[in-house]
C-alpha cells in the first residue's frame, strides 16, 4: 500500500531568523544610489530637458552639493525606468557624477504614466505641446485602469470622470484639459509654432479640428502670406471644413481677410482735446462729441459749396 506523502509549507530560512518588523521594513520603498547607466528615460516622455540658465544652475548646484532630491524610478528589465528626475540625471552626468539617489517604486504601466505626468506638469515653463501629450497620456492611463462601477452612462460618464481626474492638482479646468489634448491633433510644424508663440492657443485649438491635409495647405498659405490666423479666421476655417467647403482657394481667401487688429486707427493725444470737454467726460462721450462735430462741420462745408455754385 503506497503511503500518501505529507507536504508542509515551511517558512524560508531568513523568515525563521527575522522579526515581522524587519520583514515589513524590507518591503518598504527605499532610496538607493543607482548608476546613471542603469536609468533609462521614460518611454514617450513628453517633457523636454531644456539646457537654459536654470538648468545650468542645477548643474552647478549638483557639482557643489550633489543631487539633494532623489529621482523616482521603477524596476524594468535589467535596469530602471525613470519616472521623475530626467533633468537631474542629465545635470548629474554633466557634473561628472556616476550615481544618483533614486526612490525605487514598483508600479504598473498606468501608475507610472500618472506619476510621471503629475511630477512634471507642475514645473514652470511647460510648453503647450508638453502639456498636450502629457494630459493625453494620463487620460489614456486612467481609462485603462478600469471603469467606475457607480456610473450609469458608461462611455459618456467614464470619459467625463476621466477628464476630471486628469484636471485634479493641475490648476486647469476640465474644459482646458480637453483643449490642450486637442493640440495633439495638430501637425508637428503647426504645434511647434504654438510652442514658439507664433500661433495663439485659442486659434490653434480651432485649427486642430481640420484634417491633416487641410492643416498642411493652411501651413503653406501662412508661409506664403507671412501671417497666422486670428481666432475669428480659425473658427471660420473650422466651420467651413465641417461643412465640406474648405479647399486651398477658400483657405487663401479666409487668410487674406483683414484682421481686427490690422484696421487703421487715428489717435489724438488727450491733452490736445481735453479743454473742449467737461472734466469728468468719459472716452465714449468724447468720441461721440467729436464724431458729431465732424458731421456738423461736413454739412457746413456742403452748404458753403452749394452756395458758391448757385452764384
C-alpha atoms as a PDB file:
ATOM      1  CA  UNK A   1       0.000   0.000   0.000  1.00  0.00           C
ATOM      2  CA  UNK A   2       1.506   3.352  -1.050  1.00  0.00           C
ATOM      3  CA  UNK A   3       1.633   5.905   1.679  1.00  0.00           C
ATOM      4  CA  UNK A   4       0.458   9.432   0.926  1.00  0.00           C
ATOM      5  CA  UNK A   5       3.250  11.962   1.264  1.00  0.00           C
ATOM      6  CA  UNK A   6       2.579  14.782   3.672  1.00  0.00           C
ATOM      7  CA  UNK A   7       3.523  18.256   2.431  1.00  0.00           C
ATOM      8  CA  UNK A   8       4.361  21.097   4.781  1.00  0.00           C
ATOM      9  CA  UNK A   9       4.640  24.778   3.834  1.00  0.00           C
ATOM     10  CA  UNK A  10       7.718  25.678   5.814  1.00  0.00           C
ATOM     11  CA  UNK A  11       8.947  29.283   6.092  1.00  0.00           C
ATOM     12  CA  UNK A  12      12.158  30.273   4.378  1.00  0.00           C
ATOM     13  CA  UNK A  13      15.326  30.305   6.462  1.00  0.00           C
ATOM     14  CA  UNK A  14      15.560  34.112   6.501  1.00  0.00           C
ATOM     15  CA  UNK A  15      11.977  34.289   7.766  1.00  0.00           C
ATOM     16  CA  UNK A  16      12.817  31.971  10.677  1.00  0.00           C
ATOM     17  CA  UNK A  17      15.541  34.294  11.907  1.00  0.00           C
ATOM     18  CA  UNK A  18      13.905  37.728  11.266  1.00  0.00           C
ATOM     19  CA  UNK A  19      11.192  39.654  13.025  1.00  0.00           C
ATOM     20  CA  UNK A  20       7.899  40.724  11.443  1.00  0.00           C
ATOM     21  CA  UNK A  21       9.087  44.340  11.705  1.00  0.00           C
ATOM     22  CA  UNK A  22      12.227  43.500   9.729  1.00  0.00           C
ATOM     23  CA  UNK A  23      10.192  41.701   7.080  1.00  0.00           C
ATOM     24  CA  UNK A  24       7.777  44.659   6.774  1.00  0.00           C
ATOM     25  CA  UNK A  25      10.695  47.074   6.574  1.00  0.00           C
ATOM     26  CA  UNK A  26      12.210  45.096   3.700  1.00  0.00           C
ATOM     27  CA  UNK A  27       9.068  45.709   1.641  1.00  0.00           C
ATOM     28  CA  UNK A  28       9.163  49.491   2.106  1.00  0.00           C
ATOM     29  CA  UNK A  29      10.380  51.851  -0.597  1.00  0.00           C
ATOM     30  CA  UNK A  30      13.991  52.832  -0.144  1.00  0.00           C
ATOM     31  CA  UNK A  31      16.287  55.392  -1.657  1.00  0.00           C
ATOM     32  CA  UNK A  32      19.188  53.676  -3.412  1.00  0.00           C
ATOM     33  CA  UNK A  33      22.313  55.059  -5.062  1.00  0.00           C
ATOM     34  CA  UNK A  34      21.970  53.810  -8.633  1.00  0.00           C
ATOM     35  CA  UNK A  35      24.384  54.131 -11.583  1.00  0.00           C
ATOM     36  CA  UNK A  36      23.247  56.545 -14.293  1.00  0.00           C
ATOM     37  CA  UNK A  37      23.880  53.794 -16.834  1.00  0.00           C
ATOM     38  CA  UNK A  38      21.067  51.718 -15.308  1.00  0.00           C
ATOM     39  CA  UNK A  39      18.476  54.526 -15.576  1.00  0.00           C
ATOM     40  CA  UNK A  40      16.584  54.724 -18.868  1.00  0.00           C
ATOM     41  CA  UNK A  41      14.251  57.522 -19.956  1.00  0.00           C
ATOM     42  CA  UNK A  42      10.509  57.050 -19.620  1.00  0.00           C
ATOM     43  CA  UNK A  43       9.020  55.700 -22.858  1.00  0.00           C
ATOM     44  CA  UNK A  44       7.457  58.507 -24.939  1.00  0.00           C
ATOM     45  CA  UNK A  45       8.409  61.049 -22.274  1.00  0.00           C
ATOM     46  CA  UNK A  46       6.614  64.256 -23.380  1.00  0.00           C
ATOM     47  CA  UNK A  47       8.708  66.722 -21.387  1.00  0.00           C
ATOM     48  CA  UNK A  48      11.874  68.170 -22.908  1.00  0.00           C
ATOM     49  CA  UNK A  49      15.047  68.899 -20.968  1.00  0.00           C
ATOM     50  CA  UNK A  50      15.988  72.454 -21.938  1.00  0.00           C
ATOM     51  CA  UNK A  51      19.572  73.483 -21.252  1.00  0.00           C
ATOM     52  CA  UNK A  52      18.672  77.008 -20.193  1.00  0.00           C
ATOM     53  CA  UNK A  53      20.056  79.180 -17.370  1.00  0.00           C
ATOM     54  CA  UNK A  54      18.043  77.299 -14.733  1.00  0.00           C
ATOM     55  CA  UNK A  55      19.447  74.005 -15.962  1.00  0.00           C
ATOM     56  CA  UNK A  56      22.999  75.354 -15.767  1.00  0.00           C
ATOM     57  CA  UNK A  57      22.318  76.481 -12.186  1.00  0.00           C
ATOM     58  CA  UNK A  58      21.175  72.936 -11.418  1.00  0.00           C
ATOM     59  CA  UNK A  59      24.432  71.550 -12.817  1.00  0.00           C
ATOM     60  CA  UNK A  60      26.477  73.925 -10.651  1.00  0.00           C
ATOM     61  CA  UNK A  61      24.390  73.056  -7.576  1.00  0.00           C
ATOM     62  CA  UNK A  62      24.932  69.331  -8.149  1.00  0.00           C
ATOM     63  CA  UNK A  63      28.664  69.867  -8.577  1.00  0.00           C
ATOM     64  CA  UNK A  64      28.749  71.567  -5.193  1.00  0.00           C
ATOM     65  CA  UNK A  65      26.129  69.665  -3.183  1.00  0.00           C
ATOM     66  CA  UNK A  66      25.223  66.546  -5.137  1.00  0.00           C
ATOM     67  CA  UNK A  67      21.646  65.535  -6.004  1.00  0.00           C
ATOM     68  CA  UNK A  68      19.565  66.600  -2.994  1.00  0.00           C
ATOM     69  CA  UNK A  69      16.144  65.377  -4.167  1.00  0.00           C
ATOM     70  CA  UNK A  70      16.036  61.693  -5.168  1.00  0.00           C
ATOM     71  CA  UNK A  71      14.720  60.742  -8.587  1.00  0.00           C
ATOM     72  CA  UNK A  72      11.883  58.226  -8.842  1.00  0.00           C
ATOM     73  CA  UNK A  73      12.174  55.058 -10.912  1.00  0.00           C
ATOM     74  CA  UNK A  74      10.632  51.625 -11.265  1.00  0.00           C
ATOM     75  CA  UNK A  75      12.380  48.320 -11.998  1.00  0.00           C
ATOM     76  CA  UNK A  76      12.268  47.464 -15.701  1.00  0.00           C
ATOM     77  CA  UNK A  77      14.239  44.734 -17.426  1.00  0.00           C
ATOM     78  CA  UNK A  78      17.817  44.672 -16.219  1.00  0.00           C
ATOM     79  CA  UNK A  79      17.660  48.278 -15.028  1.00  0.00           C
ATOM     80  CA  UNK A  80      15.263  51.006 -14.033  1.00  0.00           C
ATOM     81  CA  UNK A  81      12.881  53.343 -15.871  1.00  0.00           C
ATOM     82  CA  UNK A  82      12.884  56.958 -14.704  1.00  0.00           C
ATOM     83  CA  UNK A  83       9.520  58.296 -13.596  1.00  0.00           C
ATOM     84  CA  UNK A  84      10.754  61.667 -12.349  1.00  0.00           C
ATOM     85  CA  UNK A  85      14.247  63.120 -12.473  1.00  0.00           C
ATOM     86  CA  UNK A  86      15.274  63.327 -16.138  1.00  0.00           C
ATOM     87  CA  UNK A  87      16.744  66.834 -15.653  1.00  0.00           C
ATOM     88  CA  UNK A  88      18.583  65.726 -12.516  1.00  0.00           C
ATOM     89  CA  UNK A  89      20.034  62.708 -14.292  1.00  0.00           C
ATOM     90  CA  UNK A  90      21.366  64.769 -17.221  1.00  0.00           C
ATOM     91  CA  UNK A  91      22.653  67.504 -14.910  1.00  0.00           C
ATOM     92  CA  UNK A  92      24.387  64.902 -12.745  1.00  0.00           C
ATOM     93  CA  UNK A  93      26.017  63.365 -15.823  1.00  0.00           C
ATOM     94  CA  UNK A  94      27.313  66.783 -16.915  1.00  0.00           C
ATOM     95  CA  UNK A  95      28.501  67.436 -13.364  1.00  0.00           C
ATOM     96  CA  UNK A  96      30.585  64.242 -13.516  1.00  0.00           C
ATOM     97  CA  UNK A  97      28.550  62.014 -11.198  1.00  0.00           C
ATOM     98  CA  UNK A  98      28.246  58.274 -11.827  1.00  0.00           C
ATOM     99  CA  UNK A  99      25.404  57.562  -9.391  1.00  0.00           C
ATOM    100  CA  UNK A 100      22.397  59.471  -8.040  1.00  0.00           C
ATOM    101  CA  UNK A 101      19.869  58.797  -5.259  1.00  0.00           C
ATOM    102  CA  UNK A 102      16.724  57.125  -6.583  1.00  0.00           C
ATOM    103  CA  UNK A 103      13.491  56.134  -4.879  1.00  0.00           C
ATOM    104  CA  UNK A 104      12.678  52.747  -6.392  1.00  0.00           C
ATOM    105  CA  UNK A 105       8.966  52.008  -6.552  1.00  0.00           C
ATOM    106  CA  UNK A 106       7.013  49.117  -8.063  1.00  0.00           C
ATOM    107  CA  UNK A 107       4.359  50.487 -10.474  1.00  0.00           C
ATOM    108  CA  UNK A 108       2.066  49.274 -13.198  1.00  0.00           C
ATOM    109  CA  UNK A 109       2.342  50.973 -16.594  1.00  0.00           C
ATOM    110  CA  UNK A 110      -0.715  53.104 -15.846  1.00  0.00           C
ATOM    111  CA  UNK A 111       0.516  54.108 -12.387  1.00  0.00           C
ATOM    112  CA  UNK A 112       3.896  55.027 -13.881  1.00  0.00           C
ATOM    113  CA  UNK A 113       2.326  57.277 -16.531  1.00  0.00           C
ATOM    114  CA  UNK A 114       0.156  59.084 -13.979  1.00  0.00           C
ATOM    115  CA  UNK A 115       3.082  59.587 -11.595  1.00  0.00           C
ATOM    116  CA  UNK A 116       5.335  60.791 -14.423  1.00  0.00           C
ATOM    117  CA  UNK A 117       2.794  63.395 -15.582  1.00  0.00           C
ATOM    118  CA  UNK A 118       1.935  64.612 -12.083  1.00  0.00           C
ATOM    119  CA  UNK A 119       5.586  65.036 -11.126  1.00  0.00           C
ATOM    120  CA  UNK A 120       6.453  67.070 -14.231  1.00  0.00           C
ATOM    121  CA  UNK A 121       3.406  69.107 -15.247  1.00  0.00           C
ATOM    122  CA  UNK A 122       3.618  71.439 -12.229  1.00  0.00           C
ATOM    123  CA  UNK A 123       7.073  72.772 -13.061  1.00  0.00           C
ATOM    124  CA  UNK A 124       7.482  76.233 -14.576  1.00  0.00           C
ATOM    125  CA  UNK A 125       7.643  76.979 -18.295  1.00  0.00           C
ATOM    126  CA  UNK A 126       5.887  73.821 -19.507  1.00  0.00           C
ATOM    127  CA  UNK A 127       5.286  74.113 -23.254  1.00  0.00           C
ATOM    128  CA  UNK A 128       1.757  73.713 -24.673  1.00  0.00           C
ATOM    129  CA  UNK A 129       2.866  70.625 -26.627  1.00  0.00           C
ATOM    130  CA  UNK A 130       4.275  69.058 -23.442  1.00  0.00           C
ATOM    131  CA  UNK A 131       1.010  69.611 -21.583  1.00  0.00           C
ATOM    132  CA  UNK A 132      -0.979  68.341 -24.558  1.00  0.00           C
ATOM    133  CA  UNK A 133       0.751  64.964 -24.803  1.00  0.00           C
ATOM    134  CA  UNK A 134       1.164  64.611 -21.024  1.00  0.00           C
ATOM    135  CA  UNK A 135      -2.547  65.136 -20.390  1.00  0.00           C
ATOM    136  CA  UNK A 136      -3.415  62.705 -23.200  1.00  0.00           C
ATOM    137  CA  UNK A 137      -1.087  60.046 -21.765  1.00  0.00           C
ATOM    138  CA  UNK A 138      -2.613  60.467 -18.304  1.00  0.00           C
ATOM    139  CA  UNK A 139      -6.168  60.329 -19.704  1.00  0.00           C
ATOM    140  CA  UNK A 140      -5.406  57.100 -21.598  1.00  0.00           C
ATOM    141  CA  UNK A 141      -3.781  55.586 -18.487  1.00  0.00           C
ATOM    142  CA  UNK A 142      -6.797  56.403 -16.309  1.00  0.00           C
ATOM    143  CA  UNK A 143      -9.139  54.839 -18.855  1.00  0.00           C
ATOM    144  CA  UNK A 144      -7.033  51.649 -18.902  1.00  0.00           C
ATOM    145  CA  UNK A 145      -7.170  51.347 -15.114  1.00  0.00           C
ATOM    146  CA  UNK A 146     -10.820  50.354 -15.377  1.00  0.00           C
ATOM    147  CA  UNK A 147     -14.294  51.868 -15.427  1.00  0.00           C
ATOM    148  CA  UNK A 148     -16.025  53.168 -12.343  1.00  0.00           C
ATOM    149  CA  UNK A 149     -18.847  50.949 -11.180  1.00  0.00           C
ATOM    150  CA  UNK A 150     -21.009  53.847  -9.956  1.00  0.00           C
ATOM    151  CA  UNK A 151     -21.542  55.415 -13.390  1.00  0.00           C
ATOM    152  CA  UNK A 152     -24.856  54.740 -15.102  1.00  0.00           C
ATOM    153  CA  UNK A 153     -23.901  56.041 -18.564  1.00  0.00           C
ATOM    154  CA  UNK A 154     -20.758  54.042 -19.204  1.00  0.00           C
ATOM    155  CA  UNK A 155     -18.975  55.693 -22.125  1.00  0.00           C
ATOM    156  CA  UNK A 156     -20.018  59.318 -21.615  1.00  0.00           C
ATOM    157  CA  UNK A 157     -19.809  59.088 -17.833  1.00  0.00           C
ATOM    158  CA  UNK A 158     -16.435  57.373 -17.908  1.00  0.00           C
ATOM    159  CA  UNK A 159     -14.984  59.976 -20.278  1.00  0.00           C
ATOM    160  CA  UNK A 160     -16.248  62.866 -18.145  1.00  0.00           C
ATOM    161  CA  UNK A 161     -14.924  61.286 -14.963  1.00  0.00           C
ATOM    162  CA  UNK A 162     -11.540  60.528 -16.553  1.00  0.00           C
ATOM    163  CA  UNK A 163     -11.064  64.137 -17.707  1.00  0.00           C
ATOM    164  CA  UNK A 164     -11.995  65.369 -14.216  1.00  0.00           C
ATOM    165  CA  UNK A 165      -9.316  63.112 -12.714  1.00  0.00           C
ATOM    166  CA  UNK A 166      -6.733  64.466 -15.160  1.00  0.00           C
ATOM    167  CA  UNK A 167      -7.703  68.010 -14.134  1.00  0.00           C
ATOM    168  CA  UNK A 168      -7.091  67.297 -10.440  1.00  0.00           C
ATOM    169  CA  UNK A 169      -3.999  69.037  -8.991  1.00  0.00           C
ATOM    170  CA  UNK A 170      -3.148  70.705 -12.315  1.00  0.00           C
ATOM    171  CA  UNK A 171      -4.799  74.081 -11.813  1.00  0.00           C
ATOM    172  CA  UNK A 172      -6.549  73.575 -15.164  1.00  0.00           C
ATOM    173  CA  UNK A 173     -10.294  73.327 -15.722  1.00  0.00           C
ATOM    174  CA  UNK A 174     -11.870  70.248 -17.280  1.00  0.00           C
ATOM    175  CA  UNK A 175     -12.550  72.238 -20.456  1.00  0.00           C
ATOM    176  CA  UNK A 176      -8.962  73.485 -20.614  1.00  0.00           C
ATOM    177  CA  UNK A 177      -7.631  69.935 -20.263  1.00  0.00           C
ATOM    178  CA  UNK A 178      -9.717  68.894 -23.270  1.00  0.00           C
ATOM    179  CA  UNK A 179      -8.494  71.906 -25.246  1.00  0.00           C
ATOM    180  CA  UNK A 180      -4.852  71.049 -24.532  1.00  0.00           C
ATOM    181  CA  UNK A 181      -5.432  67.447 -25.630  1.00  0.00           C
ATOM    182  CA  UNK A 182      -6.904  68.780 -28.899  1.00  0.00           C
ATOM    183  CA  UNK A 183      -3.459  70.206 -29.722  1.00  0.00           C
ATOM    184  CA  UNK A 184      -2.148  66.654 -30.192  1.00  0.00           C
ATOM    185  CA  UNK A 185      -4.175  66.614 -33.438  1.00  0.00           C
ATOM    186  CA  UNK A 186      -2.030  69.391 -34.949  1.00  0.00           C
ATOM    187  CA  UNK A 187       0.640  68.504 -37.486  1.00  0.00           C
ATOM    188  CA  UNK A 188       4.148  68.938 -35.945  1.00  0.00           C
ATOM    189  CA  UNK A 189       5.076  72.218 -37.729  1.00  0.00           C
ATOM    190  CA  UNK A 190       1.886  73.917 -36.513  1.00  0.00           C
ATOM    191  CA  UNK A 191       2.334  72.553 -32.979  1.00  0.00           C
ATOM    192  CA  UNK A 192       5.888  73.900 -32.976  1.00  0.00           C
ATOM    193  CA  UNK A 193       4.528  77.324 -33.918  1.00  0.00           C
ATOM    194  CA  UNK A 194       2.210  77.142 -30.897  1.00  0.00           C
ATOM    195  CA  UNK A 195       5.197  76.375 -28.627  1.00  0.00           C
ATOM    196  CA  UNK A 196       7.078  79.301 -30.149  1.00  0.00           C
ATOM    197  CA  UNK A 197       4.040  81.582 -29.634  1.00  0.00           C
ATOM    198  CA  UNK A 198       3.713  82.262 -33.355  1.00  0.00           C
ATOM    199  CA  UNK A 199       0.154  80.891 -33.215  1.00  0.00           C
ATOM    200  CA  UNK A 200      -2.038  81.795 -30.241  1.00  0.00           C
ATOM    201  CA  UNK A 201      -3.520  78.984 -28.153  1.00  0.00           C
ATOM    202  CA  UNK A 202      -7.215  79.600 -28.942  1.00  0.00           C
ATOM    203  CA  UNK A 203      -6.817  79.723 -32.762  1.00  0.00           C
ATOM    204  CA  UNK A 204      -4.609  76.620 -32.539  1.00  0.00           C
ATOM    205  CA  UNK A 205      -7.387  74.661 -30.799  1.00  0.00           C
ATOM    206  CA  UNK A 206      -9.806  75.577 -33.615  1.00  0.00           C
ATOM    207  CA  UNK A 207      -7.280  74.654 -36.327  1.00  0.00           C
ATOM    208  CA  UNK A 208      -6.733  71.238 -34.692  1.00  0.00           C
ATOM    209  CA  UNK A 209     -10.207  70.223 -35.915  1.00  0.00           C
ATOM    210  CA  UNK A 210      -9.047  70.439 -39.561  1.00  0.00           C
ATOM    211  CA  UNK A 211      -7.920  67.203 -41.248  1.00  0.00           C
ATOM    212  CA  UNK A 212      -4.139  66.968 -41.599  1.00  0.00           C
ATOM    213  CA  UNK A 213      -4.311  67.579 -45.358  1.00  0.00           C
ATOM    214  CA  UNK A 214      -6.083  70.905 -44.797  1.00  0.00           C
ATOM    215  CA  UNK A 215      -3.644  71.789 -42.000  1.00  0.00           C
ATOM    216  CA  UNK A 216      -0.777  71.254 -44.445  1.00  0.00           C
ATOM    217  CA  UNK A 217      -2.426  73.566 -47.011  1.00  0.00           C
ATOM    218  CA  UNK A 218      -3.028  76.155 -44.276  1.00  0.00           C
ATOM    219  CA  UNK A 219       0.639  75.972 -43.253  1.00  0.00           C
ATOM    220  CA  UNK A 220       1.738  76.635 -46.854  1.00  0.00           C
ATOM    221  CA  UNK A 221      -0.686  79.568 -47.097  1.00  0.00           C
ATOM    222  CA  UNK A 222       0.589  81.007 -43.825  1.00  0.00           C
ATOM    223  CA  UNK A 223       4.174  80.778 -45.054  1.00  0.00           C
ATOM    224  CA  UNK A 224       3.258  82.430 -48.379  1.00  0.00           C
ATOM    225  CA  UNK A 225       1.364  85.286 -46.711  1.00  0.00           C
ATOM    226  CA  UNK A 226       3.685  85.576 -43.720  1.00  0.00           C
ATOM    227  CA  UNK A 227       0.629  85.612 -41.465  1.00  0.00           C
ATOM    228  CA  UNK A 228      -1.111  83.449 -38.885  1.00  0.00           C
ATOM    229  CA  UNK A 229      -4.886  83.090 -38.425  1.00  0.00           C
ATOM    230  CA  UNK A 230      -6.796  85.118 -35.858  1.00  0.00           C
ATOM    231  CA  UNK A 231      -9.363  83.394 -33.669  1.00  0.00           C
ATOM    232  CA  UNK A 232     -12.183  84.551 -35.984  1.00  0.00           C
ATOM    233  CA  UNK A 233     -10.348  83.207 -39.052  1.00  0.00           C
ATOM    234  CA  UNK A 234      -9.581  79.893 -37.317  1.00  0.00           C
ATOM    235  CA  UNK A 235     -13.218  79.496 -36.313  1.00  0.00           C
ATOM    236  CA  UNK A 236     -14.300  80.217 -39.885  1.00  0.00           C
ATOM    237  CA  UNK A 237     -11.846  77.640 -41.246  1.00  0.00           C
ATOM    238  CA  UNK A 238     -13.182  75.049 -38.797  1.00  0.00           C
ATOM    239  CA  UNK A 239     -16.782  75.820 -39.730  1.00  0.00           C
ATOM    240  CA  UNK A 240     -16.113  75.626 -43.484  1.00  0.00           C
ATOM    241  CA  UNK A 241     -14.206  72.369 -43.025  1.00  0.00           C
ATOM    242  CA  UNK A 242     -17.105  70.854 -41.103  1.00  0.00           C
ATOM    243  CA  UNK A 243     -19.440  71.816 -43.958  1.00  0.00           C
ATOM    244  CA  UNK A 244     -17.129  70.253 -46.544  1.00  0.00           C
ATOM    245  CA  UNK A 245     -16.477  73.634 -48.162  1.00  0.00           C
ATOM    246  CA  UNK A 246     -12.809  74.126 -47.330  1.00  0.00           C
ATOM    247  CA  UNK A 247     -10.247  73.854 -50.127  1.00  0.00           C
ATOM    248  CA  UNK A 248      -7.000  75.634 -50.991  1.00  0.00           C
ATOM    249  CA  UNK A 249      -8.608  78.712 -52.667  1.00  0.00           C
ATOM    250  CA  UNK A 250     -11.005  79.118 -49.742  1.00  0.00           C
ATOM    251  CA  UNK A 251      -8.175  78.868 -47.201  1.00  0.00           C
ATOM    252  CA  UNK A 252      -6.289  81.556 -49.118  1.00  0.00           C
ATOM    253  CA  UNK A 253      -9.381  83.761 -49.245  1.00  0.00           C
ATOM    254  CA  UNK A 254     -10.025  83.446 -45.494  1.00  0.00           C
ATOM    255  CA  UNK A 255      -6.400  84.162 -44.646  1.00  0.00           C
ATOM    256  CA  UNK A 256      -6.495  87.337 -46.761  1.00  0.00           C
ATOM    257  CA  UNK A 257      -9.379  88.768 -44.761  1.00  0.00           C
ATOM    258  CA  UNK A 258      -8.450  91.785 -42.697  1.00  0.00           C
ATOM    259  CA  UNK A 259      -7.972  91.069 -39.009  1.00  0.00           C
ATOM    260  CA  UNK A 260      -9.487  93.331 -36.395  1.00  0.00           C
ATOM    261  CA  UNK A 261      -6.053  94.341 -35.141  1.00  0.00           C
ATOM    262  CA  UNK A 262      -4.978  95.295 -38.669  1.00  0.00           C
ATOM    263  CA  UNK A 263      -7.613  98.033 -39.035  1.00  0.00           C
ATOM    264  CA  UNK A 264      -6.193 101.526 -39.086  1.00  0.00           C
ATOM    265  CA  UNK A 265      -6.877 103.813 -36.123  1.00  0.00           C
ATOM    266  CA  UNK A 266      -6.497 107.542 -35.604  1.00  0.00           C
ATOM    267  CA  UNK A 267      -5.229 108.516 -32.167  1.00  0.00           C
ATOM    268  CA  UNK A 268      -5.439 112.070 -30.848  1.00  0.00           C
ATOM    269  CA  UNK A 269      -3.480 112.899 -27.665  1.00  0.00           C
ATOM    270  CA  UNK A 270      -5.877 113.720 -24.824  1.00  0.00           C
ATOM    271  CA  UNK A 271      -4.086 116.920 -23.853  1.00  0.00           C
ATOM    272  CA  UNK A 272      -4.932 118.358 -27.286  1.00  0.00           C
ATOM    273  CA  UNK A 273      -8.721 117.957 -26.920  1.00  0.00           C
ATOM    274  CA  UNK A 274      -9.496 117.780 -23.205  1.00  0.00           C
ATOM    275  CA  UNK A 275     -10.124 121.529 -22.995  1.00  0.00           C
ATOM    276  CA  UNK A 276     -13.253 121.042 -25.155  1.00  0.00           C
ATOM    277  CA  UNK A 277     -14.885 118.624 -22.670  1.00  0.00           C
ATOM    278  CA  UNK A 278     -16.143 118.521 -19.128  1.00  0.00           C
ATOM    279  CA  UNK A 279     -13.512 117.302 -16.613  1.00  0.00           C
ATOM    280  CA  UNK A 280     -15.480 114.107 -15.938  1.00  0.00           C
ATOM    281  CA  UNK A 281     -16.286 113.273 -19.591  1.00  0.00           C
ATOM    282  CA  UNK A 282     -15.803 109.615 -20.499  1.00  0.00           C
ATOM    283  CA  UNK A 283     -13.878 108.382 -23.536  1.00  0.00           C
ATOM    284  CA  UNK A 284     -17.168 107.302 -25.166  1.00  0.00           C
ATOM    285  CA  UNK A 285     -18.698 110.767 -24.633  1.00  0.00           C
ATOM    286  CA  UNK A 286     -15.608 112.385 -26.165  1.00  0.00           C
ATOM    287  CA  UNK A 287     -15.741 110.067 -29.163  1.00  0.00           C
ATOM    288  CA  UNK A 288     -19.454 110.731 -29.754  1.00  0.00           C
ATOM    289  CA  UNK A 289     -18.944 114.501 -29.481  1.00  0.00           C
ATOM    290  CA  UNK A 290     -16.008 114.511 -31.933  1.00  0.00           C
ATOM    291  CA  UNK A 291     -17.932 112.416 -34.492  1.00  0.00           C
ATOM    292  CA  UNK A 292     -20.990 114.687 -34.196  1.00  0.00           C
ATOM    293  CA  UNK A 293     -18.817 117.803 -34.558  1.00  0.00           C
ATOM    294  CA  UNK A 294     -17.187 116.346 -37.679  1.00  0.00           C
ATOM    295  CA  UNK A 295     -20.623 115.531 -39.159  1.00  0.00           C
ATOM    296  CA  UNK A 296     -21.857 119.083 -38.470  1.00  0.00           C
ATOM    297  CA  UNK A 297     -18.691 120.545 -39.973  1.00  0.00           C
ATOM    298  CA  UNK A 298     -19.100 118.370 -43.071  1.00  0.00           C
ATOM    299  CA  UNK A 299     -22.665 119.653 -43.521  1.00  0.00           C
ATOM    300  CA  UNK A 300     -21.443 123.243 -43.184  1.00  0.00           C
ATOM    301  CA  UNK A 301     -18.865 122.671 -45.924  1.00  0.00           C
ATOM    302  CA  UNK A 302     -21.518 121.167 -48.197  1.00  0.00           C
ATOM    303  CA  UNK A 303     -23.844 124.161 -47.667  1.00  0.00           C
ATOM    304  CA  UNK A 304     -20.999 126.583 -48.438  1.00  0.00           C
ATOM    305  CA  UNK A 305     -20.163 124.656 -51.616  1.00  0.00           C
ATOM    306  CA  UNK A 306     -23.803 124.747 -52.808  1.00  0.00           C
ATOM    307  CA  UNK A 307     -23.974 128.483 -52.091  1.00  0.00           C
ATOM    308  CA  UNK A 308     -20.878 129.142 -54.227  1.00  0.00           C
ATOM    309  CA  UNK A 309     -22.250 127.043 -57.089  1.00  0.00           C
ATOM    310  CA  UNK A 310     -25.547 128.977 -57.028  1.00  0.00           C
ATOM    311  CA  UNK A 311     -23.847 132.347 -57.627  1.00  0.00           C
END
